[in-house]
Amino acid sequence: YIPAILVGSYTVRKKILGGNLMGSDVLSMVFAILYPGQILIDN
């Protein structure tokens, strides 16, 4: 799950926004990995 969501975030940045992951993308990565809904249901 976590590798997939990170690959997904990187691909969105690369293929839609263009360029490598920037510091501003940390926000999306934080919420992708730490999203409470998925953690509370699965774990």
PDB file of all heavy atoms in Angstrom:
ATOM      1  N   TYR A   1       0.807  -1.219   0.000  1.00  0.00           N
ATOM      2  CA  TYR A   1       0.000   0.000   0.000  1.00  0.00           C
ATOM      3  C   TYR A   1       0.843   1.273   0.000  1.00  0.00           C
ATOM      4  O   TYR A   1       0.647   2.161  -0.849  1.00  0.00           O
ATOM      5  CB  TYR A   1      -0.961   0.016   1.190  1.00  0.00           C
ATOM      6  CG  TYR A   1      -1.792   1.276   1.236  1.00  0.00           C
ATOM      7  CD1 TYR A   1      -2.869   1.450   0.365  1.00  0.00           C
ATOM      8  CD2 TYR A   1      -1.480   2.319   2.110  1.00  0.00           C
ATOM      9  CE1 TYR A   1      -3.614   2.614   0.375  1.00  0.00           C
ATOM     10  CE2 TYR A   1      -2.227   3.482   2.132  1.00  0.00           C
ATOM     11  CZ  TYR A   1      -3.291   3.626   1.270  1.00  0.00           C
ATOM     12  OH  TYR A   1      -4.028   4.792   1.281  1.00  0.00           O
ATOM     13  N   ILE A   2       1.784   1.390   0.958  1.00  0.00           N
ATOM     14  CA  ILE A   2       2.561   2.635   1.046  1.00  0.00           C
ATOM     15  C   ILE A   2       3.437   2.828  -0.189  1.00  0.00           C
ATOM     16  O   ILE A   2       3.479   3.938  -0.743  1.00  0.00           O
ATOM     17  CB  ILE A   2       3.380   2.678   2.357  1.00  0.00           C
ATOM     18  CG1 ILE A   2       2.430   2.710   3.562  1.00  0.00           C
ATOM     19  CG2 ILE A   2       4.287   3.903   2.383  1.00  0.00           C
ATOM     20  CD1 ILE A   2       3.134   2.751   4.913  1.00  0.00           C
ATOM     21  N   PRO A   3       4.152   1.796  -0.674  1.00  0.00           N
ATOM     22  CA  PRO A   3       4.880   1.988  -1.934  1.00  0.00           C
ATOM     23  C   PRO A   3       3.976   2.408  -3.092  1.00  0.00           C
ATOM     24  O   PRO A   3       4.340   3.259  -3.907  1.00  0.00           O
ATOM     25  CB  PRO A   3       5.515   0.619  -2.188  1.00  0.00           C
ATOM     26  CG  PRO A   3       5.643  -0.003  -0.838  1.00  0.00           C
ATOM     27  CD  PRO A   3       4.439   0.473  -0.080  1.00  0.00           C
ATOM     28  N   ALA A   4       2.771   1.810  -3.147  1.00  0.00           N
ATOM     29  CA  ALA A   4       1.856   2.128  -4.243  1.00  0.00           C
ATOM     30  C   ALA A   4       1.401   3.578  -4.192  1.00  0.00           C
ATOM     31  O   ALA A   4       1.346   4.265  -5.223  1.00  0.00           O
ATOM     32  CB  ALA A   4       0.644   1.189  -4.196  1.00  0.00           C
ATOM     33  N   ILE A   5       1.072   4.065  -2.998  1.00  0.00           N
ATOM     34  CA  ILE A   5       0.575   5.433  -2.880  1.00  0.00           C
ATOM     35  C   ILE A   5       1.695   6.429  -3.148  1.00  0.00           C
ATOM     36  O   ILE A   5       1.475   7.514  -3.698  1.00  0.00           O
ATOM     37  CB  ILE A   5      -0.090   5.657  -1.503  1.00  0.00           C
ATOM     38  CG1 ILE A   5      -1.151   6.773  -1.579  1.00  0.00           C
ATOM     39  CG2 ILE A   5       0.914   5.964  -0.419  1.00  0.00           C
ATOM     40  CD1 ILE A   5      -2.402   6.377  -2.296  1.00  0.00           C
ATOM     41  N   LEU A   6       2.949   6.064  -2.794  1.00  0.00           N
ATOM     42  CA  LEU A   6       4.084   6.924  -3.091  1.00  0.00           C
ATOM     43  C   LEU A   6       4.370   6.950  -4.592  1.00  0.00           C
ATOM     44  O   LEU A   6       4.624   8.012  -5.170  1.00  0.00           O
ATOM     45  CB  LEU A   6       5.323   6.445  -2.329  1.00  0.00           C
ATOM     46  CG  LEU A   6       5.351   6.746  -0.830  1.00  0.00           C
ATOM     47  CD1 LEU A   6       6.565   6.096  -0.175  1.00  0.00           C
ATOM     48  CD2 LEU A   6       5.359   8.247  -0.569  1.00  0.00           C
ATOM     49  N   VAL A   7       4.321   5.780  -5.228  1.00  0.00           N
ATOM     50  CA  VAL A   7       4.512   5.717  -6.682  1.00  0.00           C
ATOM     51  C   VAL A   7       3.411   6.505  -7.387  1.00  0.00           C
ATOM     52  O   VAL A   7       3.669   7.226  -8.360  1.00  0.00           O
ATOM     53  CB  VAL A   7       4.531   4.253  -7.162  1.00  0.00           C
ATOM     54  CG1 VAL A   7       4.456   4.181  -8.684  1.00  0.00           C
ATOM     55  CG2 VAL A   7       5.785   3.548  -6.671  1.00  0.00           C
ATOM     56  N   GLY A   8       2.183   6.378  -6.890  1.00  0.00           N
ATOM     57  CA  GLY A   8       1.083   7.132  -7.472  1.00  0.00           C
ATOM     58  C   GLY A   8       1.296   8.631  -7.371  1.00  0.00           C
ATOM     59  O   GLY A   8       1.097   9.372  -8.343  1.00  0.00           O
ATOM     60  N   SER A   9       1.712   9.105  -6.192  1.00  0.00           N
ATOM     61  CA  SER A   9       1.954  10.537  -5.992  1.00  0.00           C
ATOM     62  C   SER A   9       3.080  11.029  -6.900  1.00  0.00           C
ATOM     63  O   SER A   9       2.986  12.100  -7.512  1.00  0.00           O
ATOM     64  CB  SER A   9       2.312  10.808  -4.527  1.00  0.00           C
ATOM     65  OG  SER A   9       1.229  10.511  -3.673  1.00  0.00           O
ATOM     66  N   TYR A  10       4.156  10.235  -6.990  1.00  0.00           N
ATOM     67  CA  TYR A  10       5.284  10.617  -7.858  1.00  0.00           C
ATOM     68  C   TYR A  10       4.839  10.678  -9.320  1.00  0.00           C
ATOM     69  O   TYR A  10       5.211  11.602 -10.051  1.00  0.00           O
ATOM     70  CB  TYR A  10       6.416   9.612  -7.693  1.00  0.00           C
ATOM     71  CG  TYR A  10       7.541   9.832  -8.681  1.00  0.00           C
ATOM     72  CD1 TYR A  10       8.484  10.839  -8.465  1.00  0.00           C
ATOM     73  CD2 TYR A  10       7.656   9.046  -9.829  1.00  0.00           C
ATOM     74  CE1 TYR A  10       9.511  11.057  -9.375  1.00  0.00           C
ATOM     75  CE2 TYR A  10       8.686   9.258 -10.741  1.00  0.00           C
ATOM     76  CZ  TYR A  10       9.609  10.261 -10.505  1.00  0.00           C
ATOM     77  OH  TYR A  10      10.617  10.478 -11.405  1.00  0.00           O
ATOM     78  N   THR A  11       4.031   9.718  -9.748  1.00  0.00           N
ATOM     79  CA  THR A  11       3.604   9.663 -11.151  1.00  0.00           C
ATOM     80  C   THR A  11       2.692  10.827 -11.497  1.00  0.00           C
ATOM     81  O   THR A  11       2.773  11.394 -12.590  1.00  0.00           O
ATOM     82  CB  THR A  11       2.899   8.330 -11.450  1.00  0.00           C
ATOM     83  OG1 THR A  11       3.726   7.245 -11.018  1.00  0.00           O
ATOM     84  CG2 THR A  11       2.619   8.182 -12.930  1.00  0.00           C
ATOM     85  N   VAL A  12       1.811  11.196 -10.567  1.00  0.00           N
ATOM     86  CA  VAL A  12       0.953  12.369 -10.791  1.00  0.00           C
ATOM     87  C   VAL A  12       1.823  13.604 -10.978  1.00  0.00           C
ATOM     88  O   VAL A  12       1.604  14.415 -11.883  1.00  0.00           O
ATOM     89  CB  VAL A  12      -0.027  12.557  -9.617  1.00  0.00           C
ATOM     90  CG1 VAL A  12      -0.734  13.914  -9.711  1.00  0.00           C
ATOM     91  CG2 VAL A  12      -1.060  11.440  -9.604  1.00  0.00           C
ATOM     92  N   ARG A  13       2.834  13.754 -10.114  1.00  0.00           N
ATOM     93  CA  ARG A  13       3.726  14.919 -10.213  1.00  0.00           C
ATOM     94  C   ARG A  13       4.490  14.912 -11.537  1.00  0.00           C
ATOM     95  O   ARG A  13       4.619  15.937 -12.210  1.00  0.00           O
ATOM     96  CB  ARG A  13       4.713  14.906  -9.033  1.00  0.00           C
ATOM     97  CG  ARG A  13       5.629  16.145  -8.998  1.00  0.00           C
ATOM     98  CD  ARG A  13       4.762  17.366  -8.773  1.00  0.00           C
ATOM     99  NE  ARG A  13       5.517  18.578  -8.613  1.00  0.00           N
ATOM    100  CZ  ARG A  13       5.890  19.387  -9.595  1.00  0.00           C
ATOM    101  NH1 ARG A  13       5.648  19.063 -10.850  1.00  0.00           N
ATOM    102  NH2 ARG A  13       6.506  20.512  -9.334  1.00  0.00           N
ATOM    103  N   LYS A  14       4.982  13.734 -11.920  1.00  0.00           N
ATOM    104  CA  LYS A  14       5.825  13.621 -13.108  1.00  0.00           C
ATOM    105  C   LYS A  14       5.025  13.776 -14.393  1.00  0.00           C
ATOM    106  O   LYS A  14       5.446  14.469 -15.331  1.00  0.00           O
ATOM    107  CB  LYS A  14       6.517  12.247 -13.101  1.00  0.00           C
ATOM    108  CG  LYS A  14       7.613  12.071 -14.128  1.00  0.00           C
ATOM    109  CD  LYS A  14       8.898  12.702 -13.650  1.00  0.00           C
ATOM    110  CE  LYS A  14      10.044  12.357 -14.584  1.00  0.00           C
ATOM    111  NZ  LYS A  14      11.299  13.013 -14.153  1.00  0.00           N
ATOM    112  N   LYS A  15       3.842  13.142 -14.453  1.00  0.00           N
ATOM    113  CA  LYS A  15       3.109  13.053 -15.719  1.00  0.00           C
ATOM    114  C   LYS A  15       2.056  14.138 -15.906  1.00  0.00           C
ATOM    115  O   LYS A  15       1.630  14.391 -17.039  1.00  0.00           O
ATOM    116  CB  LYS A  15       2.441  11.677 -15.825  1.00  0.00           C
ATOM    117  CG  LYS A  15       3.442  10.515 -15.862  1.00  0.00           C
ATOM    118  CD  LYS A  15       4.364  10.615 -17.069  1.00  0.00           C
ATOM    119  CE  LYS A  15       5.331   9.451 -17.140  1.00  0.00           C
ATOM    120  NZ  LYS A  15       6.209   9.516 -18.323  1.00  0.00           N
ATOM    121  N   ILE A  16       1.621  14.760 -14.816  1.00  0.00           N
ATOM    122  CA  ILE A  16       0.589  15.797 -14.953  1.00  0.00           C
ATOM    123  C   ILE A  16       1.156  17.179 -14.662  1.00  0.00           C
ATOM    124  O   ILE A  16       0.967  18.118 -15.439  1.00  0.00           O
ATOM    125  CB  ILE A  16      -0.613  15.503 -14.033  1.00  0.00           C
ATOM    126  CG1 ILE A  16      -1.265  14.177 -14.427  1.00  0.00           C
ATOM    127  CG2 ILE A  16      -1.642  16.640 -14.107  1.00  0.00           C
ATOM    128  CD1 ILE A  16      -2.482  13.801 -13.601  1.00  0.00           C
ATOM    129  N   LEU A  17       1.888  17.313 -13.553  1.00  0.00           N
ATOM    130  CA  LEU A  17       2.426  18.614 -13.187  1.00  0.00           C
ATOM    131  C   LEU A  17       3.798  18.856 -13.791  1.00  0.00           C
ATOM    132  O   LEU A  17       4.212  19.990 -13.986  1.00  0.00           O
ATOM    133  CB  LEU A  17       2.498  18.737 -11.656  1.00  0.00           C
ATOM    134  CG  LEU A  17       1.139  18.735 -10.951  1.00  0.00           C
ATOM    135  CD1 LEU A  17       1.317  18.677  -9.448  1.00  0.00           C
ATOM    136  CD2 LEU A  17       0.329  19.959 -11.338  1.00  0.00           C
ATOM    137  N   GLY A  18       4.520  17.769 -14.064  1.00  0.00           N
ATOM    138  CA  GLY A  18       5.832  17.900 -14.682  1.00  0.00           C
ATOM    139  C   GLY A  18       6.945  18.075 -13.665  1.00  0.00           C
ATOM    140  O   GLY A  18       6.776  18.711 -12.632  1.00  0.00           O
ATOM    141  N   GLY A  19       8.086  17.466 -13.932  1.00  0.00           N
ATOM    142  CA  GLY A  19       9.249  17.621 -13.061  1.00  0.00           C
ATOM    143  C   GLY A  19       9.291  16.602 -11.950  1.00  0.00           C
ATOM    144  O   GLY A  19       8.430  15.723 -11.829  1.00  0.00           O
ATOM    145  N   ASN A  20      10.323  16.715 -11.109  1.00  0.00           N
ATOM    146  CA  ASN A  20      10.489  15.823  -9.978  1.00  0.00           C
ATOM    147  C   ASN A  20       9.652  16.286  -8.797  1.00  0.00           C
ATOM    148  O   ASN A  20       9.145  17.407  -8.777  1.00  0.00           O
ATOM    149  CB  ASN A  20      11.970  15.762  -9.559  1.00  0.00           C
ATOM    150  CG  ASN A  20      12.839  15.164 -10.649  1.00  0.00           C
ATOM    151  OD1 ASN A  20      12.458  14.181 -11.287  1.00  0.00           O
ATOM    152  ND2 ASN A  20      13.999  15.772 -10.882  1.00  0.00           N
ATOM    153  N   LEU A  21       9.528  15.412  -7.797  1.00  0.00           N
ATOM    154  CA  LEU A  21       8.823  15.788  -6.581  1.00  0.00           C
ATOM    155  C   LEU A  21       9.492  17.001  -5.950  1.00  0.00           C
ATOM    156  O   LEU A  21      10.719  17.039  -5.789  1.00  0.00           O
ATOM    157  CB  LEU A  21       8.804  14.626  -5.586  1.00  0.00           C
ATOM    158  CG  LEU A  21       7.835  13.483  -5.862  1.00  0.00           C
ATOM    159  CD1 LEU A  21       8.111  12.326  -4.925  1.00  0.00           C
ATOM    160  CD2 LEU A  21       6.391  13.942  -5.720  1.00  0.00           C
ATOM    161  N   MET A  22       8.681  18.004  -5.592  1.00  0.00           N
ATOM    162  CA  MET A  22       9.199  19.212  -4.969  1.00  0.00           C
ATOM    163  C   MET A  22       8.871  19.210  -3.487  1.00  0.00           C
ATOM    164  O   MET A  22       8.079  18.406  -3.005  1.00  0.00           O
ATOM    165  CB  MET A  22       8.576  20.447  -5.641  1.00  0.00           C
ATOM    166  CG  MET A  22       8.806  20.507  -7.135  1.00  0.00           C
ATOM    167  SD  MET A  22      10.560  20.633  -7.570  1.00  0.00           S
ATOM    168  CE  MET A  22      10.936  22.276  -6.933  1.00  0.00           C
ATOM    169  N   GLY A  23       9.468  20.145  -2.748  1.00  0.00           N
ATOM    170  CA  GLY A  23       9.197  20.239  -1.326  1.00  0.00           C
ATOM    171  C   GLY A  23       7.726  20.453  -1.030  1.00  0.00           C
ATOM    172  O   GLY A  23       7.189  19.951  -0.028  1.00  0.00           O
ATOM    173  N   SER A  24       7.042  21.181  -1.905  1.00  0.00           N
ATOM    174  CA  SER A  24       5.623  21.437  -1.695  1.00  0.00           C
ATOM    175  C   SER A  24       4.786  20.170  -1.816  1.00  0.00           C
ATOM    176  O   SER A  24       3.654  20.118  -1.350  1.00  0.00           O
ATOM    177  CB  SER A  24       5.127  22.483  -2.698  1.00  0.00           C
ATOM    178  OG  SER A  24       5.468  22.113  -4.006  1.00  0.00           O
ATOM    179  N   ASP A  25       5.349  19.121  -2.438  1.00  0.00           N
ATOM    180  CA  ASP A  25       4.626  17.859  -2.560  1.00  0.00           C
ATOM    181  C   ASP A  25       4.638  17.052  -1.268  1.00  0.00           C
ATOM    182  O   ASP A  25       3.957  16.027  -1.168  1.00  0.00           O
ATOM    183  CB  ASP A  25       5.229  17.008  -3.683  1.00  0.00           C
ATOM    184  CG  ASP A  25       5.096  17.672  -5.042  1.00  0.00           C
ATOM    185  OD1 ASP A  25       3.974  18.072  -5.379  1.00  0.00           O
ATOM    186  OD2 ASP A  25       6.106  17.796  -5.738  1.00  0.00           O
ATOM    187  N   VAL A  26       5.430  17.489  -0.287  1.00  0.00           N
ATOM    188  CA  VAL A  26       5.461  16.796   1.002  1.00  0.00           C
ATOM    189  C   VAL A  26       4.067  16.731   1.604  1.00  0.00           C
ATOM    190  O   VAL A  26       3.671  15.735   2.213  1.00  0.00           O
ATOM    191  CB  VAL A  26       6.438  17.485   1.975  1.00  0.00           C
ATOM    192  CG1 VAL A  26       6.310  16.905   3.379  1.00  0.00           C
ATOM    193  CG2 VAL A  26       7.862  17.325   1.476  1.00  0.00           C
ATOM    194  N   LEU A  27       3.284  17.801   1.403  1.00  0.00           N
ATOM    195  CA  LEU A  27       1.924  17.822   1.944  1.00  0.00           C
ATOM    196  C   LEU A  27       1.098  16.656   1.435  1.00  0.00           C
ATOM    197  O   LEU A  27       0.444  15.958   2.212  1.00  0.00           O
ATOM    198  CB  LEU A  27       1.230  19.146   1.580  1.00  0.00           C
ATOM    199  CG  LEU A  27       1.641  20.380   2.370  1.00  0.00           C
ATOM    200  CD1 LEU A  27       1.003  21.607   1.757  1.00  0.00           C
ATOM    201  CD2 LEU A  27       1.262  20.244   3.822  1.00  0.00           C
ATOM    202  N   SER A  28       1.131  16.441   0.128  1.00  0.00           N
ATOM    203  CA  SER A  28       0.343  15.349  -0.441  1.00  0.00           C
ATOM    204  C   SER A  28       0.884  14.005   0.018  1.00  0.00           C
ATOM    205  O   SER A  28       0.118  13.072   0.271  1.00  0.00           O
ATOM    206  CB  SER A  28       0.344  15.427  -1.974  1.00  0.00           C
ATOM    207  OG  SER A  28       1.651  15.261  -2.485  1.00  0.00           O
ATOM    208  N   MET A  29       2.195  13.891   0.144  1.00  0.00           N
ATOM    209  CA  MET A  29       2.792  12.631   0.588  1.00  0.00           C
ATOM    210  C   MET A  29       2.445  12.344   2.047  1.00  0.00           C
ATOM    211  O   MET A  29       2.170  11.202   2.417  1.00  0.00           O
ATOM    212  CB  MET A  29       4.305  12.675   0.396  1.00  0.00           C
ATOM    213  CG  MET A  29       4.741  12.725  -1.064  1.00  0.00           C
ATOM    214  SD  MET A  29       6.487  13.096  -1.251  1.00  0.00           S
ATOM    215  CE  MET A  29       7.199  11.730  -0.354  1.00  0.00           C
ATOM    216  N   VAL A  30       2.466  13.384   2.888  1.00  0.00           N
ATOM    217  CA  VAL A  30       2.101  13.221   4.299  1.00  0.00           C
ATOM    218  C   VAL A  30       0.692  12.674   4.416  1.00  0.00           C
ATOM    219  O   VAL A  30       0.442  11.693   5.119  1.00  0.00           O
ATOM    220  CB  VAL A  30       2.218  14.559   5.054  1.00  0.00           C
ATOM    221  CG1 VAL A  30       1.515  14.482   6.408  1.00  0.00           C
ATOM    222  CG2 VAL A  30       3.672  14.936   5.266  1.00  0.00           C
ATOM    223  N   PHE A  31      -0.237  13.307   3.702  1.00  0.00           N
ATOM    224  CA  PHE A  31      -1.621  12.882   3.850  1.00  0.00           C
ATOM    225  C   PHE A  31      -1.880  11.557   3.155  1.00  0.00           C
ATOM    226  O   PHE A  31      -2.745  10.791   3.571  1.00  0.00           O
ATOM    227  CB  PHE A  31      -2.571  13.962   3.327  1.00  0.00           C
ATOM    228  CG  PHE A  31      -3.834  14.044   4.138  1.00  0.00           C
ATOM    229  CD1 PHE A  31      -3.778  14.310   5.486  1.00  0.00           C
ATOM    230  CD2 PHE A  31      -5.071  13.833   3.563  1.00  0.00           C
ATOM    231  CE1 PHE A  31      -4.933  14.376   6.253  1.00  0.00           C
ATOM    232  CE2 PHE A  31      -6.232  13.891   4.306  1.00  0.00           C
ATOM    233  CZ  PHE A  31      -6.168  14.173   5.663  1.00  0.00           C
ATOM    234  N   ALA A  32      -1.127  11.256   2.091  1.00  0.00           N
ATOM    235  CA  ALA A  32      -1.294   9.967   1.417  1.00  0.00           C
ATOM    236  C   ALA A  32      -0.880   8.824   2.325  1.00  0.00           C
ATOM    237  O   ALA A  32      -1.573   7.808   2.431  1.00  0.00           O
ATOM    238  CB  ALA A  32      -0.478   9.945   0.122  1.00  0.00           C
ATOM    239  N   ILE A  33       0.252   8.981   3.000  1.00  0.00           N
ATOM    240  CA  ILE A  33       0.761   7.913   3.858  1.00  0.00           C
ATOM    241  C   ILE A  33       0.031   7.855   5.195  1.00  0.00           C
ATOM    242  O   ILE A  33      -0.225   6.779   5.736  1.00  0.00           O
ATOM    243  CB  ILE A  33       2.279   8.101   4.089  1.00  0.00           C
ATOM    244  CG1 ILE A  33       3.031   7.939   2.776  1.00  0.00           C
ATOM    245  CG2 ILE A  33       2.806   7.092   5.118  1.00  0.00           C
ATOM    246  CD1 ILE A  33       4.517   8.210   2.885  1.00  0.00           C
ATOM    247  N   LEU A  34      -0.322   9.022   5.732  1.00  0.00           N
ATOM    248  CA  LEU A  34      -0.881   9.083   7.085  1.00  0.00           C
ATOM    249  C   LEU A  34      -2.384   9.317   7.098  1.00  0.00           C
ATOM    250  O   LEU A  34      -2.937   9.713   8.129  1.00  0.00           O
ATOM    251  CB  LEU A  34      -0.187  10.195   7.880  1.00  0.00           C
ATOM    252  CG  LEU A  34       1.345  10.147   7.933  1.00  0.00           C
ATOM    253  CD1 LEU A  34       1.882  11.283   8.787  1.00  0.00           C
ATOM    254  CD2 LEU A  34       1.830   8.811   8.453  1.00  0.00           C
ATOM    255  N   TYR A  35      -3.060   9.084   5.967  1.00  0.00           N
ATOM    256  CA  TYR A  35      -4.508   9.330   5.922  1.00  0.00           C
ATOM    257  C   TYR A  35      -5.225   8.518   7.001  1.00  0.00           C
ATOM    258  O   TYR A  35      -5.175   7.280   6.997  1.00  0.00           O
ATOM    259  CB  TYR A  35      -5.060   8.986   4.543  1.00  0.00           C
ATOM    260  CG  TYR A  35      -6.564   9.058   4.477  1.00  0.00           C
ATOM    261  CD1 TYR A  35      -7.239  10.193   4.906  1.00  0.00           C
ATOM    262  CD2 TYR A  35      -7.317   7.981   4.019  1.00  0.00           C
ATOM    263  CE1 TYR A  35      -8.621  10.263   4.874  1.00  0.00           C
ATOM    264  CE2 TYR A  35      -8.686   8.046   3.972  1.00  0.00           C
ATOM    265  CZ  TYR A  35      -9.337   9.192   4.410  1.00  0.00           C
ATOM    266  OH  TYR A  35     -10.705   9.254   4.384  1.00  0.00           O
ATOM    267  N   PRO A  36      -5.887   9.170   7.945  1.00  0.00           N
ATOM    268  CA  PRO A  36      -6.500   8.470   9.087  1.00  0.00           C
ATOM    269  C   PRO A  36      -7.535   7.427   8.694  1.00  0.00           C
ATOM    270  O   PRO A  36      -7.640   6.384   9.352  1.00  0.00           O
ATOM    271  CB  PRO A  36      -7.143   9.609   9.884  1.00  0.00           C
ATOM    272  CG  PRO A  36      -6.372  10.823   9.519  1.00  0.00           C
ATOM    273  CD  PRO A  36      -6.000  10.631   8.077  1.00  0.00           C
ATOM    274  N   GLY A  37      -8.325   7.690   7.646  1.00  0.00           N
ATOM    275  CA  GLY A  37      -9.400   6.766   7.286  1.00  0.00           C
ATOM    276  C   GLY A  37      -8.896   5.367   7.006  1.00  0.00           C
ATOM    277  O   GLY A  37      -9.410   4.378   7.549  1.00  0.00           O
ATOM    278  N   GLN A  38      -7.860   5.265   6.160  1.00  0.00           N
ATOM    279  CA  GLN A  38      -7.332   3.943   5.813  1.00  0.00           C
ATOM    280  C   GLN A  38      -6.682   3.270   7.013  1.00  0.00           C
ATOM    281  O   GLN A  38      -6.847   2.066   7.238  1.00  0.00           O
ATOM    282  CB  GLN A  38      -6.330   4.078   4.658  1.00  0.00           C
ATOM    283  CG  GLN A  38      -5.781   2.758   4.130  1.00  0.00           C
ATOM    284  CD  GLN A  38      -4.515   2.310   4.834  1.00  0.00           C
ATOM    285  OE1 GLN A  38      -3.710   3.123   5.285  1.00  0.00           O
ATOM    286  NE2 GLN A  38      -4.322   0.999   4.933  1.00  0.00           N
ATOM    287  N   ILE A  39      -5.944   4.018   7.814  1.00  0.00           N
ATOM    288  CA  ILE A  39      -5.273   3.446   8.980  1.00  0.00           C
ATOM    289  C   ILE A  39      -6.286   2.935   9.997  1.00  0.00           C
ATOM    290  O   ILE A  39      -6.157   1.815  10.522  1.00  0.00           O
ATOM    291  CB  ILE A  39      -4.345   4.489   9.632  1.00  0.00           C
ATOM    292  CG1 ILE A  39      -3.231   4.886   8.661  1.00  0.00           C
ATOM    293  CG2 ILE A  39      -3.749   3.959  10.928  1.00  0.00           C
ATOM    294  CD1 ILE A  39      -2.328   5.992   9.169  1.00  0.00           C
ATOM    295  N   LEU A  40      -7.312   3.718  10.280  1.00  0.00           N
ATOM    296  CA  LEU A  40      -8.303   3.335  11.290  1.00  0.00           C
ATOM    297  C   LEU A  40      -9.109   2.113  10.877  1.00  0.00           C
ATOM    298  O   LEU A  40      -9.470   1.290  11.716  1.00  0.00           O
ATOM    299  CB  LEU A  40      -9.233   4.517  11.571  1.00  0.00           C
ATOM    300  CG  LEU A  40      -8.607   5.671  12.360  1.00  0.00           C
ATOM    301  CD1 LEU A  40      -9.477   6.915  12.277  1.00  0.00           C
ATOM    302  CD2 LEU A  40      -8.382   5.273  13.816  1.00  0.00           C
ATOM    303  N   ILE A  41      -9.386   1.972   9.584  1.00  0.00           N
ATOM    304  CA  ILE A  41     -10.162   0.817   9.128  1.00  0.00           C
ATOM    305  C   ILE A  41      -9.291  -0.433   9.040  1.00  0.00           C
ATOM    306  O   ILE A  41      -9.654  -1.497   9.567  1.00  0.00           O
ATOM    307  CB  ILE A  41     -10.822   1.114   7.771  1.00  0.00           C
ATOM    308  CG1 ILE A  41     -11.891   2.207   7.932  1.00  0.00           C
ATOM    309  CG2 ILE A  41     -11.457  -0.156   7.201  1.00  0.00           C
ATOM    310  CD1 ILE A  41     -13.022   1.849   8.894  1.00  0.00           C
ATOM    311  N   ASP A  42      -8.141  -0.337   8.411  1.00  0.00           N
ATOM    312  CA  ASP A  42      -7.312  -1.540   8.228  1.00  0.00           C
ATOM    313  C   ASP A  42      -6.578  -1.937   9.500  1.00  0.00           C
ATOM    314  O   ASP A  42      -6.581  -3.110   9.886  1.00  0.00           O
ATOM    315  CB  ASP A  42      -6.308  -1.323   7.097  1.00  0.00           C
ATOM    316  CG  ASP A  42      -6.948  -1.451   5.724  1.00  0.00           C
ATOM    317  OD1 ASP A  42      -8.147  -1.764   5.664  1.00  0.00           O
ATOM    318  OD2 ASP A  42      -6.261  -1.235   4.717  1.00  0.00           O
ATOM    319  N   ASN A  43      -5.942  -0.975  10.153  1.00  0.00           N
ATOM    320  CA  ASN A  43      -5.128  -1.294  11.324  1.00  0.00           C
ATOM    321  C   ASN A  43      -5.889  -1.202  12.632  1.00  0.00           C
ATOM    322  O   ASN A  43      -5.417  -1.691  13.662  1.00  0.00           O
ATOM    323  CB  ASN A  43      -3.906  -0.369  11.381  1.00  0.00           C
ATOM    324  CG  ASN A  43      -3.079  -0.428  10.111  1.00  0.00           C
ATOM    325  OD1 ASN A  43      -3.236   0.426   9.242  1.00  0.00           O
ATOM    326  ND2 ASN A  43      -2.221  -1.415   9.981  1.00  0.00           N
TER     327      ASN A  43
END
